[in-house]
Amino acid sequence: MKKTFNIMITILSIWFVCGFTLKYIYNDSSPRRYSDVQMAEVYVKDHPKLKATWKQLDDGRIRIKPRKGKPLYLKDGVITSK
């Protein structure tokens, strides 16, 4: 019983060491974070049919206003209609 337990602990230890080593090697060291301004620019660029413009408001939100229709608001990476 004790020998089986020791073998199991050894195997799990090796498994975790190998897993965390591979995670460290293949991890992208620079996380990709985009600001709201970059998101607004990309949104306007990717939707040319809207002919939209964007403006940063005083409260930190970004208003994306298409030529026709209601404006969208972007705050912390989330687009809302209000």
N, C-alpha and C. Protein backbone atom coordinates (compact mmCIF):
# COMPACT_ATOMS: atom_id res chain seq x y z
N MET A 1 0.83 -1.19 0.00
CA MET A 1 0.00 0.00 0.00
C MET A 1 0.87 1.25 0.00
N LYS A 2 1.90 1.27 0.84
CA LYS A 2 2.76 2.43 0.94
C LYS A 2 3.58 2.60 -0.34
N LYS A 3 3.98 1.47 -0.95
CA LYS A 3 4.76 1.53 -2.18
C LYS A 3 3.91 2.08 -3.32
N THR A 4 2.66 1.67 -3.40
CA THR A 4 1.73 2.17 -4.42
C THR A 4 1.49 3.66 -4.25
N PHE A 5 1.33 4.10 -3.02
CA PHE A 5 1.12 5.51 -2.72
C PHE A 5 2.34 6.34 -3.15
N ASN A 6 3.55 5.86 -2.85
CA ASN A 6 4.77 6.57 -3.23
C ASN A 6 4.93 6.65 -4.75
N ILE A 7 4.59 5.56 -5.43
CA ILE A 7 4.67 5.56 -6.90
C ILE A 7 3.68 6.56 -7.48
N MET A 8 2.48 6.60 -6.92
CA MET A 8 1.46 7.52 -7.40
C MET A 8 1.89 8.97 -7.18
N ILE A 9 2.43 9.29 -6.02
CA ILE A 9 2.91 10.64 -5.73
C ILE A 9 4.05 11.01 -6.68
N THR A 10 4.94 10.09 -6.96
CA THR A 10 6.06 10.34 -7.87
C THR A 10 5.55 10.63 -9.29
N ILE A 11 4.62 9.83 -9.76
CA ILE A 11 4.06 10.03 -11.10
C ILE A 11 3.35 11.36 -11.19
N LEU A 12 2.55 11.70 -10.19
CA LEU A 12 1.86 12.99 -10.20
C LEU A 12 2.83 14.17 -10.15
N SER A 13 3.89 14.04 -9.39
CA SER A 13 4.90 15.09 -9.31
C SER A 13 5.57 15.30 -10.67
N ILE A 14 5.93 14.21 -11.31
CA ILE A 14 6.55 14.31 -12.63
C ILE A 14 5.56 14.92 -13.63
N TRP A 15 4.31 14.52 -13.55
CA TRP A 15 3.27 15.05 -14.43
C TRP A 15 3.14 16.56 -14.26
N PHE A 16 3.07 17.05 -13.03
CA PHE A 16 2.94 18.48 -12.79
C PHE A 16 4.18 19.26 -13.22
N VAL A 17 5.35 18.72 -12.95
CA VAL A 17 6.58 19.40 -13.36
C VAL A 17 6.65 19.50 -14.88
N CYS A 18 6.36 18.43 -15.58
CA CYS A 18 6.37 18.47 -17.05
C CYS A 18 5.30 19.42 -17.59
N GLY A 19 4.12 19.39 -17.01
CA GLY A 19 3.03 20.25 -17.45
C GLY A 19 3.35 21.72 -17.27
N PHE A 20 3.83 22.09 -16.08
CA PHE A 20 4.15 23.50 -15.84
C PHE A 20 5.35 23.95 -16.66
N THR A 21 6.30 23.06 -16.91
CA THR A 21 7.44 23.41 -17.76
C THR A 21 6.98 23.68 -19.19
N LEU A 22 6.14 22.81 -19.73
CA LEU A 22 5.62 23.03 -21.08
C LEU A 22 4.76 24.28 -21.15
N LYS A 23 3.97 24.53 -20.13
CA LYS A 23 3.15 25.74 -20.10
C LYS A 23 4.03 26.99 -20.10
N TYR A 24 5.12 26.95 -19.36
CA TYR A 24 6.04 28.08 -19.29
C TYR A 24 6.74 28.29 -20.64
N ILE A 25 7.11 27.20 -21.30
CA ILE A 25 7.82 27.31 -22.58
C ILE A 25 6.90 27.85 -23.67
N TYR A 26 5.69 27.34 -23.74
CA TYR A 26 4.79 27.70 -24.83
C TYR A 26 3.86 28.87 -24.51
N ASN A 27 4.00 29.49 -23.35
CA ASN A 27 3.16 30.61 -22.97
C ASN A 27 3.60 31.85 -23.73
N ASP A 28 2.62 32.62 -24.22
CA ASP A 28 2.91 33.89 -24.88
C ASP A 28 3.25 34.90 -23.79
N SER A 29 4.46 35.40 -23.81
CA SER A 29 4.93 36.25 -22.72
C SER A 29 4.26 37.62 -22.70
N SER A 30 3.77 38.08 -23.82
CA SER A 30 3.13 39.39 -23.85
C SER A 30 1.63 39.22 -24.06
N PRO A 31 0.85 39.46 -23.04
CA PRO A 31 -0.60 39.33 -23.20
C PRO A 31 -1.12 40.40 -24.15
N ARG A 32 -2.08 40.04 -24.94
CA ARG A 32 -2.63 40.98 -25.91
C ARG A 32 -3.78 41.73 -25.28
N ARG A 33 -3.55 42.99 -25.07
CA ARG A 33 -4.59 43.85 -24.52
C ARG A 33 -4.72 45.07 -25.42
N TYR A 34 -5.92 45.37 -25.78
CA TYR A 34 -6.18 46.48 -26.67
C TYR A 34 -6.95 47.55 -25.92
N SER A 35 -6.66 48.77 -26.23
CA SER A 35 -7.40 49.86 -25.61
C SER A 35 -8.72 50.04 -26.36
N ASP A 36 -9.63 50.78 -25.75
CA ASP A 36 -10.92 51.03 -26.37
C ASP A 36 -10.76 51.83 -27.66
N VAL A 37 -9.77 52.71 -27.70
CA VAL A 37 -9.54 53.52 -28.90
C VAL A 37 -9.13 52.61 -30.06
N GLN A 38 -8.24 51.66 -29.80
CA GLN A 38 -7.84 50.72 -30.85
C GLN A 38 -9.03 49.87 -31.30
N MET A 39 -9.87 49.47 -30.35
CA MET A 39 -11.04 48.67 -30.70
C MET A 39 -12.00 49.47 -31.58
N ALA A 40 -12.18 50.75 -31.25
CA ALA A 40 -13.07 51.60 -32.04
C ALA A 40 -12.52 51.77 -33.45
N GLU A 41 -11.22 52.00 -33.57
CA GLU A 41 -10.62 52.15 -34.89
C GLU A 41 -10.79 50.89 -35.73
N VAL A 42 -10.59 49.74 -35.12
CA VAL A 42 -10.73 48.47 -35.84
C VAL A 42 -12.19 48.24 -36.21
N TYR A 43 -13.12 48.56 -35.32
CA TYR A 43 -14.54 48.37 -35.61
C TYR A 43 -14.97 49.23 -36.79
N VAL A 44 -14.54 50.50 -36.81
CA VAL A 44 -14.91 51.39 -37.91
C VAL A 44 -14.26 50.90 -39.21
N LYS A 45 -13.02 50.44 -39.12
CA LYS A 45 -12.31 49.96 -40.31
C LYS A 45 -12.93 48.68 -40.86
N ASP A 46 -13.38 47.78 -39.97
CA ASP A 46 -13.94 46.49 -40.40
C ASP A 46 -15.38 46.60 -40.90
N HIS A 47 -16.04 47.70 -40.64
CA HIS A 47 -17.43 47.90 -41.08
C HIS A 47 -17.52 49.15 -41.96
N PRO A 48 -16.97 49.12 -43.18
CA PRO A 48 -16.97 50.32 -44.01
C PRO A 48 -18.35 50.72 -44.51
N LYS A 49 -19.29 49.77 -44.57
CA LYS A 49 -20.63 50.11 -45.06
C LYS A 49 -21.38 51.03 -44.09
N LEU A 50 -21.00 51.01 -42.82
CA LEU A 50 -21.66 51.88 -41.84
C LEU A 50 -21.26 53.33 -42.00
N LYS A 51 -20.08 53.57 -42.56
CA LYS A 51 -19.52 54.92 -42.67
C LYS A 51 -19.57 55.61 -41.32
N ALA A 52 -19.06 54.92 -40.33
CA ALA A 52 -19.15 55.38 -38.94
C ALA A 52 -17.96 56.24 -38.56
N THR A 53 -18.20 57.08 -37.57
CA THR A 53 -17.13 57.86 -36.94
C THR A 53 -17.16 57.55 -35.45
N TRP A 54 -16.07 57.81 -34.77
CA TRP A 54 -16.02 57.56 -33.34
C TRP A 54 -15.47 58.78 -32.63
N LYS A 55 -15.87 58.92 -31.38
CA LYS A 55 -15.43 60.05 -30.56
C LYS A 55 -15.35 59.60 -29.12
N GLN A 56 -14.29 60.01 -28.43
CA GLN A 56 -14.16 59.67 -27.02
C GLN A 56 -14.90 60.72 -26.19
N LEU A 57 -15.77 60.24 -25.32
CA LEU A 57 -16.58 61.12 -24.49
C LEU A 57 -15.86 61.43 -23.17
N ASP A 58 -16.38 62.41 -22.44
CA ASP A 58 -15.76 62.84 -21.19
C ASP A 58 -15.78 61.77 -20.11
N ASP A 59 -16.79 60.90 -20.13
CA ASP A 59 -16.89 59.87 -19.09
C ASP A 59 -16.04 58.63 -19.39
N GLY A 60 -15.25 58.67 -20.47
CA GLY A 60 -14.36 57.55 -20.78
C GLY A 60 -14.92 56.59 -21.81
N ARG A 61 -16.19 56.71 -22.12
CA ARG A 61 -16.78 55.86 -23.13
C ARG A 61 -16.41 56.37 -24.52
N ILE A 62 -16.56 55.54 -25.50
CA ILE A 62 -16.34 55.92 -26.88
C ILE A 62 -17.65 55.72 -27.63
N ARG A 63 -18.07 56.77 -28.32
CA ARG A 63 -19.31 56.70 -29.09
C ARG A 63 -18.96 56.41 -30.54
N ILE A 64 -19.50 55.34 -31.08
CA ILE A 64 -19.34 54.99 -32.48
C ILE A 64 -20.66 55.33 -33.16
N LYS A 65 -20.61 56.35 -34.04
CA LYS A 65 -21.84 56.84 -34.64
C LYS A 65 -21.85 56.54 -36.13
N PRO A 66 -22.72 55.60 -36.53
CA PRO A 66 -22.85 55.34 -37.95
C PRO A 66 -23.62 56.47 -38.63
N ARG A 67 -23.50 56.55 -39.94
CA ARG A 67 -24.19 57.62 -40.66
C ARG A 67 -25.71 57.50 -40.49
N LYS A 68 -26.21 56.26 -40.50
CA LYS A 68 -27.64 56.02 -40.28
C LYS A 68 -27.77 55.09 -39.09
N GLY A 69 -28.74 55.34 -38.25
CA GLY A 69 -28.99 54.44 -37.13
C GLY A 69 -28.54 55.03 -35.80
N LYS A 70 -28.70 54.22 -34.77
CA LYS A 70 -28.38 54.66 -33.42
C LYS A 70 -26.90 54.45 -33.13
N PRO A 71 -26.32 55.31 -32.29
CA PRO A 71 -24.90 55.15 -31.95
C PRO A 71 -24.67 53.98 -30.99
N LEU A 72 -23.46 53.45 -31.03
CA LEU A 72 -23.03 52.41 -30.12
C LEU A 72 -22.00 53.00 -29.18
N TYR A 73 -21.94 52.46 -27.96
CA TYR A 73 -20.99 52.97 -26.97
C TYR A 73 -20.05 51.84 -26.57
N LEU A 74 -18.77 52.17 -26.48
CA LEU A 74 -17.75 51.20 -26.15
C LEU A 74 -17.10 51.59 -24.84
N LYS A 75 -17.13 50.68 -23.87
CA LYS A 75 -16.53 50.93 -22.57
C LYS A 75 -15.91 49.63 -22.07
N ASP A 76 -14.63 49.63 -21.76
CA ASP A 76 -13.90 48.46 -21.25
C ASP A 76 -14.05 47.24 -22.15
N GLY A 77 -14.04 47.47 -23.46
CA GLY A 77 -14.11 46.35 -24.42
C GLY A 77 -15.48 45.81 -24.68
N VAL A 78 -16.52 46.48 -24.16
CA VAL A 78 -17.89 46.00 -24.32
C VAL A 78 -18.68 47.05 -25.11
N ILE A 79 -19.31 46.62 -26.19
CA ILE A 79 -20.14 47.52 -27.01
C ILE A 79 -21.58 47.40 -26.54
N THR A 80 -22.18 48.55 -26.24
CA THR A 80 -23.59 48.58 -25.82
C THR A 80 -24.32 49.63 -26.65
N SER A 81 -25.61 49.63 -26.55
CA SER A 81 -26.41 50.62 -27.28
C SER A 81 -26.79 51.81 -26.41
N LYS A 82 -26.44 51.76 -25.13
CA LYS A 82 -26.79 52.87 -24.24
C LYS A 82 -25.56 53.42 -23.59
